[in-house]
PDB file of N, CA and C in Angstrom:
ATOM      1  N   MET A   1      18.061  -1.286   3.844  1.00  0.00           N
ATOM      2  CA  MET A   1      16.789  -1.655   4.431  1.00  0.00           C
ATOM      3  C   MET A   1      15.822  -2.034   3.310  1.00  0.00           C
ATOM      4  N   ALA A   2      15.231  -3.202   3.391  1.00  0.00           N
ATOM      5  CA  ALA A   2      14.256  -3.671   2.400  1.00  0.00           C
ATOM      6  C   ALA A   2      12.874  -3.091   2.704  1.00  0.00           C
ATOM      7  N   GLU A   3      12.091  -2.879   1.661  1.00  0.00           N
ATOM      8  CA  GLU A   3      10.731  -2.374   1.823  1.00  0.00           C
ATOM      9  C   GLU A   3       9.744  -3.297   1.125  1.00  0.00           C
ATOM     10  N   VAL A   4       8.545  -3.372   1.680  1.00  0.00           N
ATOM     11  CA  VAL A   4       7.469  -4.196   1.125  1.00  0.00           C
ATOM     12  C   VAL A   4       6.193  -3.367   1.077  1.00  0.00           C
ATOM     13  N   HIS A   5       5.521  -3.394  -0.072  1.00  0.00           N
ATOM     14  CA  HIS A   5       4.209  -2.760  -0.222  1.00  0.00           C
ATOM     15  C   HIS A   5       3.171  -3.876  -0.300  1.00  0.00           C
ATOM     16  N   VAL A   6       2.139  -3.790   0.523  1.00  0.00           N
ATOM     17  CA  VAL A   6       1.040  -4.758   0.507  1.00  0.00           C
ATOM     18  C   VAL A   6      -0.190  -4.013   0.005  1.00  0.00           C
ATOM     19  N   ILE A   7      -0.667  -4.395  -1.179  1.00  0.00           N
ATOM     20  CA  ILE A   7      -1.822  -3.742  -1.781  1.00  0.00           C
ATOM     21  C   ILE A   7      -2.816  -4.836  -2.175  1.00  0.00           C
ATOM     22  N   GLY A   8      -4.029  -4.730  -1.719  1.00  0.00           N
ATOM     23  CA  GLY A   8      -5.042  -5.721  -2.041  1.00  0.00           C
ATOM     24  C   GLY A   8      -6.370  -5.353  -1.428  1.00  0.00           C
ATOM     25  N   GLN A   9      -7.212  -6.370  -1.231  1.00  0.00           N
ATOM     26  CA  GLN A   9      -8.526  -6.115  -0.646  1.00  0.00           C
ATOM     27  C   GLN A   9      -9.080  -7.362   0.024  1.00  0.00           C
ATOM     28  N   ILE A  10      -9.944  -7.139   0.997  1.00  0.00           N
ATOM     29  CA  ILE A  10     -10.734  -8.211   1.593  1.00  0.00           C
ATOM     30  C   ILE A  10     -12.040  -8.216   0.814  1.00  0.00           C
ATOM     31  N   ILE A  11     -12.263  -9.256   0.039  1.00  0.00           N
ATOM     32  CA  ILE A  11     -13.395  -9.261  -0.894  1.00  0.00           C
ATOM     33  C   ILE A  11     -14.726  -9.512  -0.198  1.00  0.00           C
ATOM     34  N   GLY A  12     -14.829 -10.568   0.628  1.00  0.00           N
ATOM     35  CA  GLY A  12     -16.102 -10.854   1.260  1.00  0.00           C
ATOM     36  C   GLY A  12     -16.112 -12.197   1.946  1.00  0.00           C
ATOM     37  N   ALA A  13     -17.309 -12.679   2.269  1.00  0.00           N
ATOM     38  CA  ALA A  13     -17.466 -13.952   2.970  1.00  0.00           C
ATOM     39  C   ALA A  13     -18.798 -14.594   2.591  1.00  0.00           C
ATOM     40  N   THR A  14     -18.822 -15.908   2.728  1.00  0.00           N
ATOM     41  CA  THR A  14     -20.037 -16.665   2.429  1.00  0.00           C
ATOM     42  C   THR A  14     -20.107 -17.867   3.362  1.00  0.00           C
ATOM     43  N   GLY A  15     -21.282 -18.478   3.471  1.00  0.00           N
ATOM     44  CA  GLY A  15     -21.435 -19.684   4.273  1.00  0.00           C
ATOM     45  C   GLY A  15     -21.839 -19.440   5.716  1.00  0.00           C
ATOM     46  N   PHE A  16     -22.358 -18.270   6.036  1.00  0.00           N
ATOM     47  CA  PHE A  16     -22.807 -17.970   7.395  1.00  0.00           C
ATOM     48  C   PHE A  16     -24.320 -18.009   7.473  1.00  0.00           C
ATOM     49  N   SER A  17     -24.862 -18.366   8.636  1.00  0.00           N
ATOM     50  CA  SER A  17     -26.317 -18.426   8.791  1.00  0.00           C
ATOM     51  C   SER A  17     -26.935 -17.027   8.829  1.00  0.00           C
ATOM     52  N   GLU A  18     -26.201 -16.047   9.331  1.00  0.00           N
ATOM     53  CA  GLU A  18     -26.675 -14.661   9.353  1.00  0.00           C
ATOM     54  C   GLU A  18     -26.299 -13.996   8.030  1.00  0.00           C
ATOM     55  N   SER A  19     -27.021 -12.945   7.662  1.00  0.00           N
ATOM     56  CA  SER A  19     -26.742 -12.331   6.369  1.00  0.00           C
ATOM     57  C   SER A  19     -26.047 -10.976   6.466  1.00  0.00           C
ATOM     58  N   SER A  20     -26.129 -10.290   7.588  1.00  0.00           N
ATOM     59  CA  SER A  20     -25.477  -8.982   7.734  1.00  0.00           C
ATOM     60  C   SER A  20     -24.112  -9.189   8.379  1.00  0.00           C
ATOM     61  N   LEU A  21     -23.054  -9.092   7.571  1.00  0.00           N
ATOM     62  CA  LEU A  21     -21.710  -9.415   8.054  1.00  0.00           C
ATOM     63  C   LEU A  21     -20.744  -8.254   7.886  1.00  0.00           C
ATOM     64  N   PHE A  22     -19.753  -8.193   8.802  1.00  0.00           N
ATOM     65  CA  PHE A  22     -18.613  -7.305   8.661  1.00  0.00           C
ATOM     66  C   PHE A  22     -17.391  -8.046   9.169  1.00  0.00           C
ATOM     67  N   CYS A  23     -16.201  -7.515   8.899  1.00  0.00           N
ATOM     68  CA  CYS A  23     -14.965  -8.182   9.268  1.00  0.00           C
ATOM     69  C   CYS A  23     -14.027  -7.205   9.972  1.00  0.00           C
ATOM     70  N   LYS A  24     -13.536  -7.587  11.150  1.00  0.00           N
ATOM     71  CA  LYS A  24     -12.460  -6.862  11.816  1.00  0.00           C
ATOM     72  C   LYS A  24     -11.164  -7.562  11.437  1.00  0.00           C
ATOM     73  N   TRP A  25     -10.153  -6.817  11.004  1.00  0.00           N
ATOM     74  CA  TRP A  25      -8.918  -7.408  10.526  1.00  0.00           C
ATOM     75  C   TRP A  25      -7.715  -6.705  11.150  1.00  0.00           C
ATOM     76  N   GLY A  26      -6.569  -7.363  11.089  1.00  0.00           N
ATOM     77  CA  GLY A  26      -5.340  -6.773  11.606  1.00  0.00           C
ATOM     78  C   GLY A  26      -4.120  -7.367  10.925  1.00  0.00           C
ATOM     79  N   ILE A  27      -3.048  -6.593  10.848  1.00  0.00           N
ATOM     80  CA  ILE A  27      -1.769  -7.034  10.308  1.00  0.00           C
ATOM     81  C   ILE A  27      -0.826  -7.255  11.478  1.00  0.00           C
ATOM     82  N   HIS A  28      -0.230  -8.439  11.529  1.00  0.00           N
ATOM     83  CA  HIS A  28       0.690  -8.776  12.616  1.00  0.00           C
ATOM     84  C   HIS A  28       2.056  -9.075  12.021  1.00  0.00           C
ATOM     85  N   THR A  29       3.099  -8.525  12.628  1.00  0.00           N
ATOM     86  CA  THR A  29       4.448  -8.669  12.093  1.00  0.00           C
ATOM     87  C   THR A  29       5.425  -9.092  13.181  1.00  0.00           C
ATOM     88  N   GLY A  30       6.586  -9.534  12.743  1.00  0.00           N
ATOM     89  CA  GLY A  30       7.688  -9.796  13.646  1.00  0.00           C
ATOM     90  C   GLY A  30       8.322  -8.478  14.072  1.00  0.00           C
ATOM     91  N   ALA A  31       9.256  -8.545  15.005  1.00  0.00           N
ATOM     92  CA  ALA A  31       9.872  -7.341  15.575  1.00  0.00           C
ATOM     93  C   ALA A  31      10.700  -6.550  14.561  1.00  0.00           C
ATOM     94  N   ALA A  32      11.174  -7.185  13.502  1.00  0.00           N
ATOM     95  CA  ALA A  32      12.043  -6.512  12.534  1.00  0.00           C
ATOM     96  C   ALA A  32      11.269  -5.625  11.552  1.00  0.00           C
ATOM     97  N   TRP A  33       9.945  -5.742  11.515  1.00  0.00           N
ATOM     98  CA  TRP A  33       9.134  -5.000  10.551  1.00  0.00           C
ATOM     99  C   TRP A  33       8.651  -3.674  11.128  1.00  0.00           C
ATOM    100  N   LYS A  34       8.761  -2.600  10.333  1.00  0.00           N
ATOM    101  CA  LYS A  34       8.296  -1.272  10.751  1.00  0.00           C
ATOM    102  C   LYS A  34       7.263  -0.775   9.744  1.00  0.00           C
ATOM    103  N   LEU A  35       6.087  -0.379  10.230  1.00  0.00           N
ATOM    104  CA  LEU A  35       5.031   0.149   9.366  1.00  0.00           C
ATOM    105  C   LEU A  35       5.356   1.605   9.020  1.00  0.00           C
ATOM    106  N   LEU A  36       5.525   1.897   7.733  1.00  0.00           N
ATOM    107  CA  LEU A  36       5.835   3.257   7.285  1.00  0.00           C
ATOM    108  C   LEU A  36       4.576   4.040   6.935  1.00  0.00           C
ATOM    109  N   SER A  37       3.581   3.360   6.341  1.00  0.00           N
ATOM    110  CA  SER A  37       2.311   4.027   6.046  1.00  0.00           C
ATOM    111  C   SER A  37       1.193   2.993   5.994  1.00  0.00           C
ATOM    112  N   GLY A  38      -0.027   3.460   6.230  1.00  0.00           N
ATOM    113  CA  GLY A  38      -1.182   2.572   6.308  1.00  0.00           C
ATOM    114  C   GLY A  38      -1.555   2.335   7.761  1.00  0.00           C
ATOM    115  N   VAL A  39      -2.570   1.508   7.986  1.00  0.00           N
ATOM    116  CA  VAL A  39      -3.029   1.203   9.340  1.00  0.00           C
ATOM    117  C   VAL A  39      -2.921  -0.295   9.602  1.00  0.00           C
ATOM    118  N   ARG A  40      -2.594  -0.678  10.836  1.00  0.00           N
ATOM    119  CA  ARG A  40      -2.387  -2.080  11.208  1.00  0.00           C
ATOM    120  C   ARG A  40      -3.682  -2.864  11.377  1.00  0.00           C
ATOM    121  N   GLU A  41      -4.785  -2.188  11.634  1.00  0.00           N
ATOM    122  CA  GLU A  41      -6.047  -2.897  11.849  1.00  0.00           C
ATOM    123  C   GLU A  41      -7.205  -2.038  11.402  1.00  0.00           C
ATOM    124  N   GLY A  42      -8.328  -2.692  11.158  1.00  0.00           N
ATOM    125  CA  GLY A  42      -9.496  -1.956  10.721  1.00  0.00           C
ATOM    126  C   GLY A  42     -10.729  -2.834  10.702  1.00  0.00           C
ATOM    127  N   GLN A  43     -11.781  -2.296  10.114  1.00  0.00           N
ATOM    128  CA  GLN A  43     -13.057  -2.996  10.058  1.00  0.00           C
ATOM    129  C   GLN A  43     -13.746  -2.619   8.756  1.00  0.00           C
ATOM    130  N   THR A  44     -14.366  -3.605   8.123  1.00  0.00           N
ATOM    131  CA  THR A  44     -15.119  -3.347   6.897  1.00  0.00           C
ATOM    132  C   THR A  44     -16.487  -2.759   7.240  1.00  0.00           C
ATOM    133  N   GLN A  45     -17.196  -2.342   6.221  1.00  0.00           N
ATOM    134  CA  GLN A  45     -18.583  -1.945   6.405  1.00  0.00           C
ATOM    135  C   GLN A  45     -19.443  -3.203   6.522  1.00  0.00           C
ATOM    136  N   VAL A  46     -20.672  -3.050   6.927  1.00  0.00           N
ATOM    137  CA  VAL A  46     -21.620  -4.166   7.003  1.00  0.00           C
ATOM    138  C   VAL A  46     -22.261  -4.355   5.634  1.00  0.00           C
ATOM    139  N   ASP A  47     -22.356  -5.602   5.192  1.00  0.00           N
ATOM    140  CA  ASP A  47     -23.079  -5.902   3.949  1.00  0.00           C
ATOM    141  C   ASP A  47     -24.199  -6.879   4.253  1.00  0.00           C
ATOM    142  N   THR A  48     -25.375  -6.583   3.743  1.00  0.00           N
ATOM    143  CA  THR A  48     -26.536  -7.454   3.848  1.00  0.00           C
ATOM    144  C   THR A  48     -26.957  -7.822   2.433  1.00  0.00           C
ATOM    145  N   PRO A  49     -26.533  -8.989   1.955  1.00  0.00           N
ATOM    146  CA  PRO A  49     -26.842  -9.368   0.572  1.00  0.00           C
ATOM    147  C   PRO A  49     -28.348  -9.483   0.328  1.00  0.00           C
ATOM    148  N   GLN A  50     -28.786  -8.963  -0.797  1.00  0.00           N
ATOM    149  CA  GLN A  50     -30.185  -9.081  -1.196  1.00  0.00           C
ATOM    150  C   GLN A  50     -30.413 -10.321  -2.046  1.00  0.00           C
ATOM    151  N   VAL A  51     -29.366 -10.767  -2.748  1.00  0.00           N
ATOM    152  CA  VAL A  51     -29.434 -11.952  -3.605  1.00  0.00           C
ATOM    153  C   VAL A  51     -28.249 -12.843  -3.255  1.00  0.00           C
ATOM    154  N   GLY A  52     -28.490 -14.108  -2.979  1.00  0.00           N
ATOM    155  CA  GLY A  52     -27.415 -15.027  -2.614  1.00  0.00           C
ATOM    156  C   GLY A  52     -26.964 -14.831  -1.178  1.00  0.00           C
ATOM    157  N   ASP A  53     -25.887 -15.546  -0.793  1.00  0.00           N
ATOM    158  CA  ASP A  53     -25.423 -15.444   0.589  1.00  0.00           C
ATOM    159  C   ASP A  53     -24.023 -14.847   0.699  1.00  0.00           C
ATOM    160  N   MET A  54     -23.472 -14.315  -0.393  1.00  0.00           N
ATOM    161  CA  MET A  54     -22.142 -13.720  -0.378  1.00  0.00           C
ATOM    162  C   MET A  54     -22.220 -12.274   0.082  1.00  0.00           C
ATOM    163  N   ALA A  55     -21.522 -11.966   1.190  1.00  0.00           N
ATOM    164  CA  ALA A  55     -21.399 -10.591   1.671  1.00  0.00           C
ATOM    165  C   ALA A  55     -20.140 -10.005   1.033  1.00  0.00           C
ATOM    166  N   TYR A  56     -20.291  -8.924   0.285  1.00  0.00           N
ATOM    167  CA  TYR A  56     -19.163  -8.280  -0.395  1.00  0.00           C
ATOM    168  C   TYR A  56     -18.747  -7.023   0.344  1.00  0.00           C
ATOM    169  N   TRP A  57     -17.439  -6.872   0.551  1.00  0.00           N
ATOM    170  CA  TRP A  57     -16.898  -5.665   1.184  1.00  0.00           C
ATOM    171  C   TRP A  57     -15.951  -4.924   0.255  1.00  0.00           C
ATOM    172  N   CYS A  58     -15.120  -5.658  -0.483  1.00  0.00           N
ATOM    173  CA  CYS A  58     -14.097  -5.041  -1.341  1.00  0.00           C
ATOM    174  C   CYS A  58     -13.334  -3.969  -0.565  1.00  0.00           C
ATOM    175  N   HIS A  59     -12.917  -4.325   0.647  1.00  0.00           N
ATOM    176  CA  HIS A  59     -12.246  -3.405   1.559  1.00  0.00           C
ATOM    177  C   HIS A  59     -10.760  -3.298   1.200  1.00  0.00           C
ATOM    178  N   PRO A  60     -10.270  -2.088   0.898  1.00  0.00           N
ATOM    179  CA  PRO A  60      -8.882  -1.951   0.460  1.00  0.00           C
ATOM    180  C   PRO A  60      -7.871  -2.135   1.595  1.00  0.00           C
ATOM    181  N   ILE A  61      -6.745  -2.734   1.248  1.00  0.00           N
ATOM    182  CA  ILE A  61      -5.589  -2.849   2.137  1.00  0.00           C
ATOM    183  C   ILE A  61      -4.425  -2.207   1.392  1.00  0.00           C
ATOM    184  N   ASP A  62      -3.784  -1.203   1.989  1.00  0.00           N
ATOM    185  CA  ASP A  62      -2.651  -0.522   1.367  1.00  0.00           C
ATOM    186  C   ASP A  62      -1.642  -0.188   2.459  1.00  0.00           C
ATOM    187  N   LEU A  63      -0.578  -0.973   2.534  1.00  0.00           N
ATOM    188  CA  LEU A  63       0.417  -0.839   3.599  1.00  0.00           C
ATOM    189  C   LEU A  63       1.817  -0.747   3.014  1.00  0.00           C
ATOM    190  N   HIS A  64       2.703  -0.091   3.746  1.00  0.00           N
ATOM    191  CA  HIS A  64       4.099   0.058   3.335  1.00  0.00           C
ATOM    192  C   HIS A  64       4.965  -0.256   4.558  1.00  0.00           C
ATOM    193  N   PHE A  65       5.779  -1.301   4.451  1.00  0.00           N
ATOM    194  CA  PHE A  65       6.652  -1.741   5.536  1.00  0.00           C
ATOM    195  C   PHE A  65       8.118  -1.623   5.140  1.00  0.00           C
ATOM    196  N   ALA A  66       8.963  -1.483   6.154  1.00  0.00           N
ATOM    197  CA  ALA A  66      10.413  -1.582   5.977  1.00  0.00           C
ATOM    198  C   ALA A  66      10.911  -2.614   6.982  1.00  0.00           C
ATOM    199  N   THR A  67      12.011  -3.288   6.618  1.00  0.00           N
ATOM    200  CA  THR A  67      12.591  -4.283   7.517  1.00  0.00           C
ATOM    201  C   THR A  67      14.107  -4.321   7.347  1.00  0.00           C
ATOM    202  N   LYS A  68      14.797  -4.578   8.440  1.00  0.00           N
ATOM    203  CA  LYS A  68      16.244  -4.730   8.405  1.00  0.00           C
ATOM    204  C   LYS A  68      16.633  -6.198   8.278  1.00  0.00           C
ATOM    205  N   GLY A  69      15.671  -7.074   8.469  1.00  0.00           N
ATOM    206  CA  GLY A  69      15.905  -8.505   8.377  1.00  0.00           C
ATOM    207  C   GLY A  69      14.595  -9.226   8.170  1.00  0.00           C
ATOM    208  N   LEU A  70      14.666 -10.475   7.846  1.00  0.00           N
ATOM    209  CA  LEU A  70      13.457 -11.245   7.574  1.00  0.00           C
ATOM    210  C   LEU A  70      12.997 -12.051   8.786  1.00  0.00           C
ATOM    211  N   GLN A  71      13.368 -11.621   9.976  1.00  0.00           N
ATOM    212  CA  GLN A  71      12.915 -12.316  11.176  1.00  0.00           C
ATOM    213  C   GLN A  71      11.452 -11.979  11.435  1.00  0.00           C
ATOM    214  N   GLY A  72      10.689 -12.993  11.743  1.00  0.00           N
ATOM    215  CA  GLY A  72       9.265 -12.795  12.002  1.00  0.00           C
ATOM    216  C   GLY A  72       8.475 -12.808  10.709  1.00  0.00           C
ATOM    217  N   LEU A  73       7.212 -13.040  10.825  1.00  0.00           N
ATOM    218  CA  LEU A  73       6.337 -13.131   9.668  1.00  0.00           C
ATOM    219  C   LEU A  73       5.589 -11.832   9.463  1.00  0.00           C
ATOM    220  N   LEU A  74       5.099 -11.651   8.273  1.00  0.00           N
ATOM    221  CA  LEU A  74       4.208 -10.557   7.929  1.00  0.00           C
ATOM    222  C   LEU A  74       2.903 -11.219   7.531  1.00  0.00           C
ATOM    223  N   GLY A  75       1.832 -11.022   8.301  1.00  0.00           N
ATOM    224  CA  GLY A  75       0.602 -11.752   8.021  1.00  0.00           C
ATOM    225  C   GLY A  75      -0.653 -10.954   8.287  1.00  0.00           C
ATOM    226  N   LEU A  76      -1.711 -11.325   7.595  1.00  0.00           N
ATOM    227  CA  LEU A  76      -3.035 -10.736   7.768  1.00  0.00           C
ATOM    228  C   LEU A  76      -3.860 -11.667   8.633  1.00  0.00           C
ATOM    229  N   GLU A  77      -4.536 -11.110   9.626  1.00  0.00           N
ATOM    230  CA  GLU A  77      -5.378 -11.926  10.498  1.00  0.00           C
ATOM    231  C   GLU A  77      -6.770 -11.322  10.550  1.00  0.00           C
ATOM    232  N   THR A  78      -7.778 -12.189  10.449  1.00  0.00           N
ATOM    233  CA  THR A  78      -9.169 -11.755  10.565  1.00  0.00           C
ATOM    234  C   THR A  78      -9.774 -12.457  11.779  1.00  0.00           C
ATOM    235  N   PRO A  79      -9.482 -11.939  12.977  1.00  0.00           N
ATOM    236  CA  PRO A  79      -9.953 -12.622  14.177  1.00  0.00           C
ATOM    237  C   PRO A  79     -11.458 -12.545  14.388  1.00  0.00           C
ATOM    238  N   HIS A  80     -12.124 -11.578  13.770  1.00  0.00           N
ATOM    239  CA  HIS A  80     -13.557 -11.405  13.996  1.00  0.00           C
ATOM    240  C   HIS A  80     -14.294 -11.184  12.688  1.00  0.00           C
ATOM    241  N   LEU A  81     -14.911 -12.224  12.202  1.00  0.00           N
ATOM    242  CA  LEU A  81     -15.820 -12.121  11.066  1.00  0.00           C
ATOM    243  C   LEU A  81     -17.184 -12.380  11.663  1.00  0.00           C
ATOM    244  N   VAL A  82     -17.937 -11.336  11.911  1.00  0.00           N
ATOM    245  CA  VAL A  82     -19.137 -11.466  12.735  1.00  0.00           C
ATOM    246  C   VAL A  82     -20.368 -10.904  12.046  1.00  0.00           C
ATOM    247  N   SER A  83     -21.506 -11.344  12.538  1.00  0.00           N
ATOM    248  CA  SER A  83     -22.767 -10.816  12.021  1.00  0.00           C
ATOM    249  C   SER A  83     -23.131  -9.549  12.780  1.00  0.00           C
ATOM    250  N   TRP A  84     -23.956  -8.747  12.199  1.00  0.00           N
ATOM    251  CA  TRP A  84     -24.357  -7.464  12.762  1.00  0.00           C
ATOM    252  C   TRP A  84     -25.444  -7.627  13.815  1.00  0.00           C
ATOM    253  N   VAL A  85     -25.999  -8.807  13.945  1.00  0.00           N
ATOM    254  CA  VAL A  85     -27.076  -9.048  14.912  1.00  0.00           C
ATOM    255  C   VAL A  85     -26.481  -9.578  16.220  1.00  0.00           C
ATOM    256  N   PRO A  86     -27.232  -9.538  17.326  1.00  0.00           N
ATOM    257  CA  PRO A  86     -26.688  -9.963  18.619  1.00  0.00           C
ATOM    258  C   PRO A  86     -26.140 -11.391  18.660  1.00  0.00           C
ATOM    259  N   SER A  87     -26.684 -12.307  17.877  1.00  0.00           N
ATOM    260  CA  SER A  87     -26.175 -13.677  17.889  1.00  0.00           C
ATOM    261  C   SER A  87     -24.994 -13.790  16.927  1.00  0.00           C
ATOM    262  N   SER A  88     -23.879 -13.142  17.286  1.00  0.00           N
ATOM    263  CA  SER A  88     -22.740 -13.054  16.375  1.00  0.00           C
ATOM    264  C   SER A  88     -21.963 -14.359  16.304  1.00  0.00           C
ATOM    265  N   GLN A  89     -21.307 -14.551  15.176  1.00  0.00           N
ATOM    266  CA  GLN A  89     -20.435 -15.699  14.958  1.00  0.00           C
ATOM    267  C   GLN A  89     -19.029 -15.168  14.738  1.00  0.00           C
ATOM    268  N   ALA A  90     -18.035 -15.872  15.213  1.00  0.00           N
ATOM    269  CA  ALA A  90     -16.649 -15.506  14.950  1.00  0.00           C
ATOM    270  C   ALA A  90     -16.044 -16.569  14.045  1.00  0.00           C
ATOM    271  N   CYS A  91     -15.238 -16.126  13.107  1.00  0.00           N
ATOM    272  CA  CYS A  91     -14.584 -17.039  12.178  1.00  0.00           C
ATOM    273  C   CYS A  91     -13.157 -16.568  11.957  1.00  0.00           C
ATOM    274  N   PRO A  92     -12.229 -16.967  12.824  1.00  0.00           N
ATOM    275  CA  PRO A  92     -10.863 -16.504  12.681  1.00  0.00           C
ATOM    276  C   PRO A  92     -10.192 -17.068  11.431  1.00  0.00           C
ATOM    277  N   GLY A  93      -9.316 -16.295  10.870  1.00  0.00           N
ATOM    278  CA  GLY A  93      -8.542 -16.733   9.714  1.00  0.00           C
ATOM    279  C   GLY A  93      -7.192 -16.043   9.697  1.00  0.00           C
ATOM    280  N   LYS A  94      -6.219 -16.647   9.038  1.00  0.00           N
ATOM    281  CA  LYS A  94      -4.889 -16.059   8.931  1.00  0.00           C
ATOM    282  C   LYS A  94      -4.341 -16.299   7.535  1.00  0.00           C
ATOM    283  N   ALA A  95      -3.504 -15.392   7.084  1.00  0.00           N
ATOM    284  CA  ALA A  95      -2.826 -15.544   5.797  1.00  0.00           C
ATOM    285  C   ALA A  95      -1.440 -14.938   5.908  1.00  0.00           C
ATOM    286  N   GLU A  96      -0.423 -15.701   5.537  1.00  0.00           N
ATOM    287  CA  GLU A  96       0.928 -15.165   5.494  1.00  0.00           C
ATOM    288  C   GLU A  96       1.099 -14.421   4.192  1.00  0.00           C
ATOM    289  N   LEU A  97       1.718 -13.242   4.263  1.00  0.00           N
ATOM    290  CA  LEU A  97       1.900 -12.421   3.065  1.00  0.00           C
ATOM    291  C   LEU A  97       3.310 -12.536   2.553  1.00  0.00           C
TER     292      LEU A  97
END
């Protein structure tokens, strides 16, 4: 059985009209992948930049997977990158790992 460790971080976002931002994220896998440790989804803290428009989160990602085959993808998805105010914006994104 092969194992994969995913270690990294969601650094931040820029280019939004609102300044108080957070990110909801999730890891999506094919049927052959089994999560051994870590969490499949989460949310960053809210950042309100005082200088510039870059919201920094530096949110850690630390996952450990096992697989019996390479069927299906292992990917990070950020379906909700939203502002903290009622007029929220969504900015979906995906990355294959």
